[in-house]
């Protein structure tokens, strides 16, 4: 499959605004792309963005993790999570906010990114 755009999350959700800015870019791009033209990928520390039941208020941070649930609400079905990244961080058995996301190998995730015309990394 060929994608017009891939959004790649590689940074954790807190400490900087990168993750929140990536989410904003993703939601804006969804207005201009058909659902099958947009790939959403989570790699390395980007997988922390999907962990359910986080308490960012304890860090005096705004909770934008719940907004990731909008990915499924907007019917954005091309969502890929790196299995190796989850395992390396001990997160392979934790609840994630995207129930329909595909857990794929790092090689498969790189194939998806290679099939995209443009890749935005956050």
PDB file of N, CA and C in Angstrom:
ATOM      1  N   UNK A   1       0.843  -1.175   0.000  1.00  0.00           N
ATOM      2  CA  UNK A   1       0.000   0.000   0.000  1.00  0.00           C
ATOM      3  C   UNK A   1       0.890   1.240   0.000  1.00  0.00           C
ATOM      4  N   UNK A   2       0.490   2.244  -0.733  1.00  0.00           N
ATOM      5  CA  UNK A   2       1.219   3.511  -0.808  1.00  0.00           C
ATOM      6  C   UNK A   2       0.507   4.548   0.044  1.00  0.00           C
ATOM      7  N   UNK A   3       1.252   5.225   0.896  1.00  0.00           N
ATOM      8  CA  UNK A   3       0.692   6.254   1.775  1.00  0.00           C
ATOM      9  C   UNK A   3       1.145   7.630   1.305  1.00  0.00           C
ATOM     10  N   UNK A   4       0.267   8.603   1.401  1.00  0.00           N
ATOM     11  CA  UNK A   4       0.664   9.978   1.113  1.00  0.00           C
ATOM     12  C   UNK A   4       1.511  10.537   2.248  1.00  0.00           C
ATOM     13  N   UNK A   5       1.156  10.138   3.471  1.00  0.00           N
ATOM     14  CA  UNK A   5       1.825  10.695   4.643  1.00  0.00           C
ATOM     15  C   UNK A   5       1.916   9.650   5.743  1.00  0.00           C
ATOM     16  N   UNK A   6       3.050   9.640   6.410  1.00  0.00           N
ATOM     17  CA  UNK A   6       3.208   8.824   7.617  1.00  0.00           C
ATOM     18  C   UNK A   6       3.610   9.761   8.749  1.00  0.00           C
ATOM     19  N   UNK A   7       2.960   9.583   9.887  1.00  0.00           N
ATOM     20  CA  UNK A   7       3.302  10.321  11.090  1.00  0.00           C
ATOM     21  C   UNK A   7       3.998   9.324  12.012  1.00  0.00           C
ATOM     22  N   UNK A   8       5.224   9.623  12.400  1.00  0.00           N
ATOM     23  CA  UNK A   8       6.024   8.720  13.219  1.00  0.00           C
ATOM     24  C   UNK A   8       6.276   9.353  14.584  1.00  0.00           C
ATOM     25  N   UNK A   9       5.819   8.683  15.621  1.00  0.00           N
ATOM     26  CA  UNK A   9       6.044   9.129  16.995  1.00  0.00           C
ATOM     27  C   UNK A   9       7.224   8.347  17.565  1.00  0.00           C
ATOM     28  N   UNK A  10       8.286   9.066  17.942  1.00  0.00           N
ATOM     29  CA  UNK A  10       9.472   8.429  18.515  1.00  0.00           C
ATOM     30  C   UNK A  10       9.814   8.977  19.895  1.00  0.00           C
ATOM     31  N   UNK A  11       9.139  10.020  20.327  1.00  0.00           N
ATOM     32  CA  UNK A  11       9.449  10.681  21.590  1.00  0.00           C
ATOM     33  C   UNK A  11       8.382  10.373  22.645  1.00  0.00           C
ATOM     34  N   UNK A  12       8.769  10.368  23.919  1.00  0.00           N
ATOM     35  CA  UNK A  12       7.795  10.110  24.990  1.00  0.00           C
ATOM     36  C   UNK A  12       6.818  11.281  25.107  1.00  0.00           C
ATOM     37  N   UNK A  13       5.699  11.072  25.777  1.00  0.00           N
ATOM     38  CA  UNK A  13       4.637  12.082  25.805  1.00  0.00           C
ATOM     39  C   UNK A  13       4.902  13.286  26.699  1.00  0.00           C
ATOM     40  N   UNK A  14       5.793  13.178  27.648  1.00  0.00           N
ATOM     41  CA  UNK A  14       5.969  14.264  28.603  1.00  0.00           C
ATOM     42  C   UNK A  14       7.414  14.730  28.645  1.00  0.00           C
ATOM     43  N   UNK A  15       7.621  15.943  29.092  1.00  0.00           N
ATOM     44  CA  UNK A  15       8.956  16.519  29.166  1.00  0.00           C
ATOM     45  C   UNK A  15       9.167  17.583  28.104  1.00  0.00           C
ATOM     46  N   UNK A  16       8.588  17.378  26.938  1.00  0.00           N
ATOM     47  CA  UNK A  16       8.606  18.368  25.861  1.00  0.00           C
ATOM     48  C   UNK A  16       7.219  18.389  25.229  1.00  0.00           C
ATOM     49  N   UNK A  17       7.021  19.284  24.294  1.00  0.00           N
ATOM     50  CA  UNK A  17       5.727  19.381  23.613  1.00  0.00           C
ATOM     51  C   UNK A  17       5.712  18.622  22.290  1.00  0.00           C
ATOM     52  N   UNK A  18       6.763  17.898  21.972  1.00  0.00           N
ATOM     53  CA  UNK A  18       6.880  17.235  20.669  1.00  0.00           C
ATOM     54  C   UNK A  18       5.721  16.277  20.416  1.00  0.00           C
ATOM     55  N   UNK A  19       5.404  15.453  21.372  1.00  0.00           N
ATOM     56  CA  UNK A  19       4.325  14.479  21.200  1.00  0.00           C
ATOM     57  C   UNK A  19       2.982  15.168  20.966  1.00  0.00           C
ATOM     58  N   UNK A  20       2.708  16.183  21.744  1.00  0.00           N
ATOM     59  CA  UNK A  20       1.441  16.926  21.601  1.00  0.00           C
ATOM     60  C   UNK A  20       1.379  17.610  20.238  1.00  0.00           C
ATOM     61  N   UNK A  21       2.509  18.161  19.772  1.00  0.00           N
ATOM     62  CA  UNK A  21       2.559  18.797  18.458  1.00  0.00           C
ATOM     63  C   UNK A  21       2.351  17.765  17.348  1.00  0.00           C
ATOM     64  N   UNK A  22       2.902  16.575  17.537  1.00  0.00           N
ATOM     65  CA  UNK A  22       2.694  15.499  16.568  1.00  0.00           C
ATOM     66  C   UNK A  22       1.238  15.090  16.488  1.00  0.00           C
ATOM     67  N   UNK A  23       0.594  15.020  17.628  1.00  0.00           N
ATOM     68  CA  UNK A  23      -0.831  14.675  17.674  1.00  0.00           C
ATOM     69  C   UNK A  23      -1.657  15.746  16.968  1.00  0.00           C
ATOM     70  N   UNK A  24      -1.324  17.008  17.197  1.00  0.00           N
ATOM     71  CA  UNK A  24      -2.016  18.099  16.511  1.00  0.00           C
ATOM     72  C   UNK A  24      -1.827  18.001  14.997  1.00  0.00           C
ATOM     73  N   UNK A  25      -0.599  17.716  14.567  1.00  0.00           N
ATOM     74  CA  UNK A  25      -0.317  17.569  13.136  1.00  0.00           C
ATOM     75  C   UNK A  25      -1.087  16.389  12.552  1.00  0.00           C
ATOM     76  N   UNK A  26      -1.159  15.306  13.292  1.00  0.00           N
ATOM     77  CA  UNK A  26      -1.892  14.121  12.850  1.00  0.00           C
ATOM     78  C   UNK A  26      -3.375  14.431  12.638  1.00  0.00           C
ATOM     79  N   UNK A  27      -3.983  15.081  13.611  1.00  0.00           N
ATOM     80  CA  UNK A  27      -5.408  15.388  13.501  1.00  0.00           C
ATOM     81  C   UNK A  27      -5.671  16.381  12.365  1.00  0.00           C
ATOM     82  N   UNK A  28      -4.765  17.333  12.162  1.00  0.00           N
ATOM     83  CA  UNK A  28      -4.914  18.272  11.043  1.00  0.00           C
ATOM     84  C   UNK A  28      -4.764  17.546   9.709  1.00  0.00           C
ATOM     85  N   UNK A  29      -3.784  16.655   9.610  1.00  0.00           N
ATOM     86  CA  UNK A  29      -3.554  15.914   8.371  1.00  0.00           C
ATOM     87  C   UNK A  29      -4.725  14.997   8.039  1.00  0.00           C
ATOM     88  N   UNK A  30      -5.401  14.499   9.064  1.00  0.00           N
ATOM     89  CA  UNK A  30      -6.526  13.589   8.818  1.00  0.00           C
ATOM     90  C   UNK A  30      -7.659  14.289   8.064  1.00  0.00           C
ATOM     91  N   UNK A  31      -7.711  15.614   8.136  1.00  0.00           N
ATOM     92  CA  UNK A  31      -8.741  16.358   7.412  1.00  0.00           C
ATOM     93  C   UNK A  31      -8.439  16.413   5.915  1.00  0.00           C
ATOM     94  N   UNK A  32      -7.173  16.207   5.539  1.00  0.00           N
ATOM     95  CA  UNK A  32      -6.768  16.335   4.146  1.00  0.00           C
ATOM     96  C   UNK A  32      -6.435  15.011   3.478  1.00  0.00           C
ATOM     97  N   UNK A  33      -6.315  13.956   4.244  1.00  0.00           N
ATOM     98  CA  UNK A  33      -5.963  12.640   3.707  1.00  0.00           C
ATOM     99  C   UNK A  33      -7.130  11.680   3.884  1.00  0.00           C
ATOM    100  N   UNK A  34      -7.299  10.807   2.932  1.00  0.00           N
ATOM    101  CA  UNK A  34      -8.228   9.701   3.109  1.00  0.00           C
ATOM    102  C   UNK A  34      -7.642   8.783   4.173  1.00  0.00           C
ATOM    103  N   UNK A  35      -8.499   8.039   4.879  1.00  0.00           N
ATOM    104  CA  UNK A  35      -8.010   7.226   5.992  1.00  0.00           C
ATOM    105  C   UNK A  35      -6.937   6.231   5.581  1.00  0.00           C
ATOM    106  N   UNK A  36      -7.007   5.679   4.364  1.00  0.00           N
ATOM    107  CA  UNK A  36      -6.020   4.697   3.935  1.00  0.00           C
ATOM    108  C   UNK A  36      -4.754   5.346   3.382  1.00  0.00           C
ATOM    109  N   UNK A  37      -4.710   6.684   3.296  1.00  0.00           N
ATOM    110  CA  UNK A  37      -3.527   7.384   2.792  1.00  0.00           C
ATOM    111  C   UNK A  37      -2.613   7.858   3.915  1.00  0.00           C
ATOM    112  N   UNK A  38      -3.033   7.670   5.149  1.00  0.00           N
ATOM    113  CA  UNK A  38      -2.306   8.175   6.304  1.00  0.00           C
ATOM    114  C   UNK A  38      -1.890   7.018   7.208  1.00  0.00           C
ATOM    115  N   UNK A  39      -0.582   6.864   7.400  1.00  0.00           N
ATOM    116  CA  UNK A  39      -0.063   5.826   8.295  1.00  0.00           C
ATOM    117  C   UNK A  39       0.407   6.489   9.585  1.00  0.00           C
ATOM    118  N   UNK A  40       0.072   5.886  10.704  1.00  0.00           N
ATOM    119  CA  UNK A  40       0.459   6.390  12.017  1.00  0.00           C
ATOM    120  C   UNK A  40       1.329   5.321  12.668  1.00  0.00           C
ATOM    121  N   UNK A  41       2.557   5.710  13.032  1.00  0.00           N
ATOM    122  CA  UNK A  41       3.515   4.731  13.536  1.00  0.00           C
ATOM    123  C   UNK A  41       4.094   5.161  14.880  1.00  0.00           C
ATOM    124  N   UNK A  42       4.333   4.179  15.734  1.00  0.00           N
ATOM    125  CA  UNK A  42       4.906   4.410  17.057  1.00  0.00           C
ATOM    126  C   UNK A  42       6.137   3.532  17.203  1.00  0.00           C
ATOM    127  N   UNK A  43       7.280   4.170  17.481  1.00  0.00           N
ATOM    128  CA  UNK A  43       8.568   3.479  17.525  1.00  0.00           C
ATOM    129  C   UNK A  43       9.384   4.017  18.700  1.00  0.00           C
ATOM    130  N   UNK A  44      10.234   3.183  19.247  1.00  0.00           N
ATOM    131  CA  UNK A  44      11.112   3.569  20.361  1.00  0.00           C
ATOM    132  C   UNK A  44      10.286   4.157  21.505  1.00  0.00           C
ATOM    133  N   UNK A  45      10.701   5.296  22.061  1.00  0.00           N
ATOM    134  CA  UNK A  45       9.974   5.871  23.193  1.00  0.00           C
ATOM    135  C   UNK A  45       8.602   6.420  22.805  1.00  0.00           C
ATOM    136  N   UNK A  46       8.318   6.481  21.523  1.00  0.00           N
ATOM    137  CA  UNK A  46       6.995   6.916  21.072  1.00  0.00           C
ATOM    138  C   UNK A  46       5.884   6.000  21.540  1.00  0.00           C
ATOM    139  N   UNK A  47       6.210   4.754  21.879  1.00  0.00           N
ATOM    140  CA  UNK A  47       5.178   3.827  22.353  1.00  0.00           C
ATOM    141  C   UNK A  47       4.615   4.257  23.709  1.00  0.00           C
ATOM    142  N   UNK A  48       5.358   5.059  24.461  1.00  0.00           N
ATOM    143  CA  UNK A  48       4.848   5.546  25.746  1.00  0.00           C
ATOM    144  C   UNK A  48       3.612   6.424  25.573  1.00  0.00           C
ATOM    145  N   UNK A  49       3.411   6.977  24.387  1.00  0.00           N
ATOM    146  CA  UNK A  49       2.233   7.808  24.119  1.00  0.00           C
ATOM    147  C   UNK A  49       0.935   7.018  24.184  1.00  0.00           C
ATOM    148  N   UNK A  50       1.016   5.720  24.100  1.00  0.00           N
ATOM    149  CA  UNK A  50      -0.189   4.889  24.001  1.00  0.00           C
ATOM    150  C   UNK A  50      -0.564   4.175  25.292  1.00  0.00           C
ATOM    151  N   UNK A  51       0.209   4.339  26.337  1.00  0.00           N
ATOM    152  CA  UNK A  51      -0.048   3.624  27.582  1.00  0.00           C
ATOM    153  C   UNK A  51      -1.264   4.231  28.275  1.00  0.00           C
ATOM    154  N   UNK A  52      -2.237   3.393  28.558  1.00  0.00           N
ATOM    155  CA  UNK A  52      -3.477   3.841  29.211  1.00  0.00           C
ATOM    156  C   UNK A  52      -3.227   4.132  30.692  1.00  0.00           C
ATOM    157  N   UNK A  53      -4.097   4.934  31.262  1.00  0.00           N
ATOM    158  CA  UNK A  53      -4.132   5.228  32.698  1.00  0.00           C
ATOM    159  C   UNK A  53      -2.882   5.952  33.217  1.00  0.00           C
ATOM    160  N   UNK A  54      -2.266   6.763  32.382  1.00  0.00           N
ATOM    161  CA  UNK A  54      -1.150   7.579  32.864  1.00  0.00           C
ATOM    162  C   UNK A  54      -1.703   8.726  33.703  1.00  0.00           C
ATOM    163  N   UNK A  55      -0.888   9.255  34.571  1.00  0.00           N
ATOM    164  CA  UNK A  55      -1.304  10.351  35.446  1.00  0.00           C
ATOM    165  C   UNK A  55      -0.357  11.536  35.273  1.00  0.00           C
ATOM    166  N   UNK A  56      -0.450  12.241  34.155  1.00  0.00           N
ATOM    167  CA  UNK A  56       0.467  13.356  33.901  1.00  0.00           C
ATOM    168  C   UNK A  56       0.284  14.523  34.868  1.00  0.00           C
ATOM    169  N   UNK A  57      -0.852  14.596  35.518  1.00  0.00           N
ATOM    170  CA  UNK A  57      -1.073  15.650  36.503  1.00  0.00           C
ATOM    171  C   UNK A  57      -0.054  15.607  37.631  1.00  0.00           C
ATOM    172  N   UNK A  58       0.447  14.417  37.933  1.00  0.00           N
ATOM    173  CA  UNK A  58       1.470  14.295  38.977  1.00  0.00           C
ATOM    174  C   UNK A  58       2.766  14.994  38.573  1.00  0.00           C
ATOM    175  N   UNK A  59       2.970  15.147  37.262  1.00  0.00           N
ATOM    176  CA  UNK A  59       4.142  15.851  36.744  1.00  0.00           C
ATOM    177  C   UNK A  59       3.813  17.293  36.366  1.00  0.00           C
ATOM    178  N   UNK A  60       2.602  17.700  36.744  1.00  0.00           N
ATOM    179  CA  UNK A  60       2.094  19.025  36.387  1.00  0.00           C
ATOM    180  C   UNK A  60       2.035  19.212  34.875  1.00  0.00           C
ATOM    181  N   UNK A  61       1.678  18.137  34.176  1.00  0.00           N
ATOM    182  CA  UNK A  61       1.553  18.153  32.725  1.00  0.00           C
ATOM    183  C   UNK A  61       0.085  17.982  32.343  1.00  0.00           C
ATOM    184  N   UNK A  62      -0.289  18.532  31.213  1.00  0.00           N
ATOM    185  CA  UNK A  62      -1.638  18.359  30.694  1.00  0.00           C
ATOM    186  C   UNK A  62      -1.763  16.962  30.081  1.00  0.00           C
ATOM    187  N   UNK A  63      -2.912  16.337  30.281  1.00  0.00           N
ATOM    188  CA  UNK A  63      -3.135  14.986  29.754  1.00  0.00           C
ATOM    189  C   UNK A  63      -3.613  15.052  28.316  1.00  0.00           C
ATOM    190  N   UNK A  64      -2.708  14.791  27.386  1.00  0.00           N
ATOM    191  CA  UNK A  64      -3.102  14.734  25.978  1.00  0.00           C
ATOM    192  C   UNK A  64      -3.160  13.292  25.473  1.00  0.00           C
ATOM    193  N   UNK A  65      -2.808  12.337  26.322  1.00  0.00           N
ATOM    194  CA  UNK A  65      -2.816  10.926  25.930  1.00  0.00           C
ATOM    195  C   UNK A  65      -4.224  10.489  25.521  1.00  0.00           C
ATOM    196  N   UNK A  66      -5.229  10.944  26.239  1.00  0.00           N
ATOM    197  CA  UNK A  66      -6.604  10.559  25.926  1.00  0.00           C
ATOM    198  C   UNK A  66      -6.993  10.999  24.525  1.00  0.00           C
ATOM    199  N   UNK A  67      -6.363  12.051  24.029  1.00  0.00           N
ATOM    200  CA  UNK A  67      -6.673  12.548  22.686  1.00  0.00           C
ATOM    201  C   UNK A  67      -6.249  11.552  21.616  1.00  0.00           C
ATOM    202  N   UNK A  68      -5.295  10.678  21.915  1.00  0.00           N
ATOM    203  CA  UNK A  68      -4.903   9.653  20.951  1.00  0.00           C
ATOM    204  C   UNK A  68      -6.069   8.726  20.607  1.00  0.00           C
ATOM    205  N   UNK A  69      -7.058   8.638  21.489  1.00  0.00           N
ATOM    206  CA  UNK A  69      -8.238   7.817  21.202  1.00  0.00           C
ATOM    207  C   UNK A  69      -8.993   8.337  19.990  1.00  0.00           C
ATOM    208  N   UNK A  70      -8.811   9.608  19.643  1.00  0.00           N
ATOM    209  CA  UNK A  70      -9.481  10.178  18.472  1.00  0.00           C
ATOM    210  C   UNK A  70      -9.042   9.504  17.173  1.00  0.00           C
ATOM    211  N   UNK A  71      -7.866   8.881  17.198  1.00  0.00           N
ATOM    212  CA  UNK A  71      -7.392   8.175  16.003  1.00  0.00           C
ATOM    213  C   UNK A  71      -8.428   7.152  15.562  1.00  0.00           C
ATOM    214  N   UNK A  72      -8.951   6.385  16.497  1.00  0.00           N
ATOM    215  CA  UNK A  72      -9.975   5.390  16.154  1.00  0.00           C
ATOM    216  C   UNK A  72     -11.318   6.048  15.871  1.00  0.00           C
ATOM    217  N   UNK A  73     -11.624   7.142  16.551  1.00  0.00           N
ATOM    218  CA  UNK A  73     -12.875   7.862  16.328  1.00  0.00           C
ATOM    219  C   UNK A  73     -12.939   8.403  14.900  1.00  0.00           C
ATOM    220  N   UNK A  74     -11.797   8.849  14.363  1.00  0.00           N
ATOM    221  CA  UNK A  74     -11.722   9.371  13.001  1.00  0.00           C
ATOM    222  C   UNK A  74     -11.572   8.249  11.967  1.00  0.00           C
ATOM    223  N   UNK A  75     -11.673   7.000  12.395  1.00  0.00           N
ATOM    224  CA  UNK A  75     -11.538   5.838  11.511  1.00  0.00           C
ATOM    225  C   UNK A  75     -10.186   5.782  10.803  1.00  0.00           C
ATOM    226  N   UNK A  76      -9.150   6.199  11.490  1.00  0.00           N
ATOM    227  CA  UNK A  76      -7.796   6.095  10.953  1.00  0.00           C
ATOM    228  C   UNK A  76      -7.273   4.715  11.324  1.00  0.00           C
ATOM    229  N   UNK A  77      -7.357   3.813  10.385  1.00  0.00           N
ATOM    230  CA  UNK A  77      -7.107   2.405  10.662  1.00  0.00           C
ATOM    231  C   UNK A  77      -5.671   1.958  10.405  1.00  0.00           C
ATOM    232  N   UNK A  78      -4.883   2.778   9.732  1.00  0.00           N
ATOM    233  CA  UNK A  78      -3.514   2.400   9.399  1.00  0.00           C
ATOM    234  C   UNK A  78      -2.581   2.859  10.523  1.00  0.00           C
ATOM    235  N   UNK A  79      -2.656   2.152  11.637  1.00  0.00           N
ATOM    236  CA  UNK A  79      -1.902   2.502  12.838  1.00  0.00           C
ATOM    237  C   UNK A  79      -1.014   1.319  13.237  1.00  0.00           C
ATOM    238  N   UNK A  80       0.285   1.579  13.381  1.00  0.00           N
ATOM    239  CA  UNK A  80       1.264   0.520  13.606  1.00  0.00           C
ATOM    240  C   UNK A  80       2.119   0.826  14.839  1.00  0.00           C
ATOM    241  N   UNK A  81       2.267  -0.171  15.698  1.00  0.00           N
ATOM    242  CA  UNK A  81       3.079  -0.048  16.910  1.00  0.00           C
ATOM    243  C   UNK A  81       4.200  -1.084  16.822  1.00  0.00           C
ATOM    244  N   UNK A  82       5.413  -0.650  17.072  1.00  0.00           N
ATOM    245  CA  UNK A  82       6.563  -1.552  17.024  1.00  0.00           C
ATOM    246  C   UNK A  82       6.550  -2.490  18.232  1.00  0.00           C
ATOM    247  N   UNK A  83       6.421  -3.790  17.963  1.00  0.00           N
ATOM    248  CA  UNK A  83       6.416  -4.791  19.035  1.00  0.00           C
ATOM    249  C   UNK A  83       7.721  -4.787  19.817  1.00  0.00           C
ATOM    250  N   UNK A  84       8.845  -4.690  19.104  1.00  0.00           N
ATOM    251  CA  UNK A  84      10.142  -4.715  19.776  1.00  0.00           C
ATOM    252  C   UNK A  84      10.288  -3.536  20.743  1.00  0.00           C
ATOM    253  N   UNK A  85       9.779  -2.373  20.354  1.00  0.00           N
ATOM    254  CA  UNK A  85       9.847  -1.199  21.234  1.00  0.00           C
ATOM    255  C   UNK A  85       9.051  -1.431  22.507  1.00  0.00           C
ATOM    256  N   UNK A  86       7.896  -2.070  22.382  1.00  0.00           N
ATOM    257  CA  UNK A  86       7.091  -2.389  23.567  1.00  0.00           C
ATOM    258  C   UNK A  86       7.835  -3.352  24.485  1.00  0.00           C
ATOM    259  N   UNK A  87       8.388  -4.412  23.910  1.00  0.00           N
ATOM    260  CA  UNK A  87       9.086  -5.425  24.698  1.00  0.00           C
ATOM    261  C   UNK A  87      10.325  -4.830  25.378  1.00  0.00           C
ATOM    262  N   UNK A  88      11.120  -4.045  24.638  1.00  0.00           N
ATOM    263  CA  UNK A  88      12.337  -3.444  25.191  1.00  0.00           C
ATOM    264  C   UNK A  88      12.040  -2.559  26.401  1.00  0.00           C
ATOM    265  N   UNK A  89      10.845  -1.988  26.448  1.00  0.00           N
ATOM    266  CA  UNK A  89      10.479  -1.087  27.532  1.00  0.00           C
ATOM    267  C   UNK A  89       9.585  -1.756  28.573  1.00  0.00           C
ATOM    268  N   UNK A  90       9.402  -3.063  28.438  1.00  0.00           N
ATOM    269  CA  UNK A  90       8.582  -3.807  29.398  1.00  0.00           C
ATOM    270  C   UNK A  90       7.102  -3.459  29.315  1.00  0.00           C
ATOM    271  N   UNK A  91       6.645  -3.053  28.133  1.00  0.00           N
ATOM    272  CA  UNK A  91       5.267  -2.607  27.963  1.00  0.00           C
ATOM    273  C   UNK A  91       4.424  -3.566  27.120  1.00  0.00           C
ATOM    274  N   UNK A  92       4.932  -4.742  26.839  1.00  0.00           N
ATOM    275  CA  UNK A  92       4.238  -5.650  25.938  1.00  0.00           C
ATOM    276  C   UNK A  92       2.929  -6.187  26.510  1.00  0.00           C
ATOM    277  N   UNK A  93       2.715  -6.092  27.817  1.00  0.00           N
ATOM    278  CA  UNK A  93       1.473  -6.604  28.413  1.00  0.00           C
ATOM    279  C   UNK A  93       0.636  -5.522  29.078  1.00  0.00           C
ATOM    280  N   UNK A  94       0.922  -4.265  28.804  1.00  0.00           N
ATOM    281  CA  UNK A  94       0.144  -3.189  29.408  1.00  0.00           C
ATOM    282  C   UNK A  94      -0.981  -2.773  28.470  1.00  0.00           C
ATOM    283  N   UNK A  95      -2.007  -2.151  29.037  1.00  0.00           N
ATOM    284  CA  UNK A  95      -3.137  -1.683  28.245  1.00  0.00           C
ATOM    285  C   UNK A  95      -2.739  -0.434  27.464  1.00  0.00           C
ATOM    286  N   UNK A  96      -3.098  -0.421  26.188  1.00  0.00           N
ATOM    287  CA  UNK A  96      -2.832   0.757  25.365  1.00  0.00           C
ATOM    288  C   UNK A  96      -4.159   1.391  24.954  1.00  0.00           C
ATOM    289  N   UNK A  97      -4.112   2.675  24.620  1.00  0.00           N
ATOM    290  CA  UNK A  97      -5.346   3.407  24.325  1.00  0.00           C
ATOM    291  C   UNK A  97      -5.901   3.094  22.937  1.00  0.00           C
ATOM    292  N   UNK A  98      -5.089   2.579  22.029  1.00  0.00           N
ATOM    293  CA  UNK A  98      -5.562   2.243  20.681  1.00  0.00           C
ATOM    294  C   UNK A  98      -5.788   0.742  20.567  1.00  0.00           C
ATOM    295  N   UNK A  99      -7.028   0.349  20.688  1.00  0.00           N
ATOM    296  CA  UNK A  99      -7.357  -1.081  20.676  1.00  0.00           C
ATOM    297  C   UNK A  99      -7.184  -1.713  19.295  1.00  0.00           C
ATOM    298  N   UNK A 100      -7.378  -0.930  18.243  1.00  0.00           N
ATOM    299  CA  UNK A 100      -7.341  -1.462  16.883  1.00  0.00           C
ATOM    300  C   UNK A 100      -5.969  -1.362  16.220  1.00  0.00           C
ATOM    301  N   UNK A 101      -4.990  -0.793  16.891  1.00  0.00           N
ATOM    302  CA  UNK A 101      -3.658  -0.638  16.308  1.00  0.00           C
ATOM    303  C   UNK A 101      -3.002  -2.002  16.102  1.00  0.00           C
ATOM    304  N   UNK A 102      -2.201  -2.080  15.058  1.00  0.00           N
ATOM    305  CA  UNK A 102      -1.501  -3.317  14.736  1.00  0.00           C
ATOM    306  C   UNK A 102      -0.116  -3.311  15.387  1.00  0.00           C
ATOM    307  N   UNK A 103       0.184  -4.327  16.160  1.00  0.00           N
ATOM    308  CA  UNK A 103       1.524  -4.487  16.714  1.00  0.00           C
ATOM    309  C   UNK A 103       2.330  -5.262  15.685  1.00  0.00           C
ATOM    310  N   UNK A 104       3.362  -4.614  15.152  1.00  0.00           N
ATOM    311  CA  UNK A 104       4.138  -5.200  14.059  1.00  0.00           C
ATOM    312  C   UNK A 104       5.623  -5.199  14.405  1.00  0.00           C
ATOM    313  N   UNK A 105       6.390  -5.966  13.653  1.00  0.00           N
ATOM    314  CA  UNK A 105       7.836  -5.988  13.847  1.00  0.00           C
ATOM    315  C   UNK A 105       8.434  -4.660  13.382  1.00  0.00           C
ATOM    316  N   UNK A 106       9.624  -4.386  13.850  1.00  0.00           N
ATOM    317  CA  UNK A 106      10.325  -3.165  13.446  1.00  0.00           C
ATOM    318  C   UNK A 106      10.538  -3.154  11.934  1.00  0.00           C
ATOM    319  N   UNK A 107      10.848  -4.307  11.359  1.00  0.00           N
ATOM    320  CA  UNK A 107      11.033  -4.385   9.907  1.00  0.00           C
ATOM    321  C   UNK A 107       9.754  -4.026   9.160  1.00  0.00           C
ATOM    322  N   UNK A 108       8.622  -4.522   9.632  1.00  0.00           N
ATOM    323  CA  UNK A 108       7.339  -4.202   8.987  1.00  0.00           C
ATOM    324  C   UNK A 108       7.031  -2.713   9.123  1.00  0.00           C
ATOM    325  N   UNK A 109       7.321  -2.136  10.281  1.00  0.00           N
ATOM    326  CA  UNK A 109       7.086  -0.714  10.485  1.00  0.00           C
ATOM    327  C   UNK A 109       7.945   0.103   9.520  1.00  0.00           C
ATOM    328  N   UNK A 110       9.199  -0.300   9.319  1.00  0.00           N
ATOM    329  CA  UNK A 110      10.065   0.409   8.370  1.00  0.00           C
ATOM    330  C   UNK A 110       9.555   0.255   6.939  1.00  0.00           C
ATOM    331  N   UNK A 111       8.953  -0.882   6.616  1.00  0.00           N
ATOM    332  CA  UNK A 111       8.338  -1.055   5.292  1.00  0.00           C
ATOM    333  C   UNK A 111       7.208  -0.055   5.091  1.00  0.00           C
ATOM    334  N   UNK A 112       6.390   0.118   6.120  1.00  0.00           N
ATOM    335  CA  UNK A 112       5.290   1.081   6.054  1.00  0.00           C
ATOM    336  C   UNK A 112       5.845   2.484   5.823  1.00  0.00           C
ATOM    337  N   UNK A 113       6.869   2.852   6.578  1.00  0.00           N
ATOM    338  CA  UNK A 113       7.462   4.182   6.424  1.00  0.00           C
ATOM    339  C   UNK A 113       8.063   4.361   5.034  1.00  0.00           C
ATOM    340  N   UNK A 114       8.658   3.312   4.511  1.00  0.00           N
ATOM    341  CA  UNK A 114       9.257   3.370   3.171  1.00  0.00           C
ATOM    342  C   UNK A 114       8.198   3.562   2.088  1.00  0.00           C
ATOM    343  N   UNK A 115       6.978   3.131   2.344  1.00  0.00           N
ATOM    344  CA  UNK A 115       5.885   3.245   1.375  1.00  0.00           C
ATOM    345  C   UNK A 115       5.216   4.618   1.395  1.00  0.00           C
ATOM    346  N   UNK A 116       5.656   5.490   2.274  1.00  0.00           N
ATOM    347  CA  UNK A 116       5.037   6.816   2.398  1.00  0.00           C
ATOM    348  C   UNK A 116       5.781   7.838   1.547  1.00  0.00           C
ATOM    349  N   UNK A 117       5.015   8.739   0.931  1.00  0.00           N
ATOM    350  CA  UNK A 117       5.631   9.811   0.158  1.00  0.00           C
ATOM    351  C   UNK A 117       6.361  10.792   1.076  1.00  0.00           C
ATOM    352  N   UNK A 118       5.767  11.078   2.226  1.00  0.00           N
ATOM    353  CA  UNK A 118       6.352  11.996   3.206  1.00  0.00           C
ATOM    354  C   UNK A 118       6.232  11.366   4.591  1.00  0.00           C
ATOM    355  N   UNK A 119       7.235  11.610   5.434  1.00  0.00           N
ATOM    356  CA  UNK A 119       7.220  11.132   6.808  1.00  0.00           C
ATOM    357  C   UNK A 119       7.495  12.324   7.728  1.00  0.00           C
ATOM    358  N   UNK A 120       6.591  12.554   8.661  1.00  0.00           N
ATOM    359  CA  UNK A 120       6.792  13.569   9.694  1.00  0.00           C
ATOM    360  C   UNK A 120       7.120  12.849  10.994  1.00  0.00           C
ATOM    361  N   UNK A 121       8.232  13.212  11.594  1.00  0.00           N
ATOM    362  CA  UNK A 121       8.691  12.529  12.809  1.00  0.00           C
ATOM    363  C   UNK A 121       8.563  13.455  14.015  1.00  0.00           C
ATOM    364  N   UNK A 122       7.949  12.926  15.058  1.00  0.00           N
ATOM    365  CA  UNK A 122       7.763  13.671  16.301  1.00  0.00           C
ATOM    366  C   UNK A 122       8.269  12.851  17.474  1.00  0.00           C
TER     367      UNK A 122
END
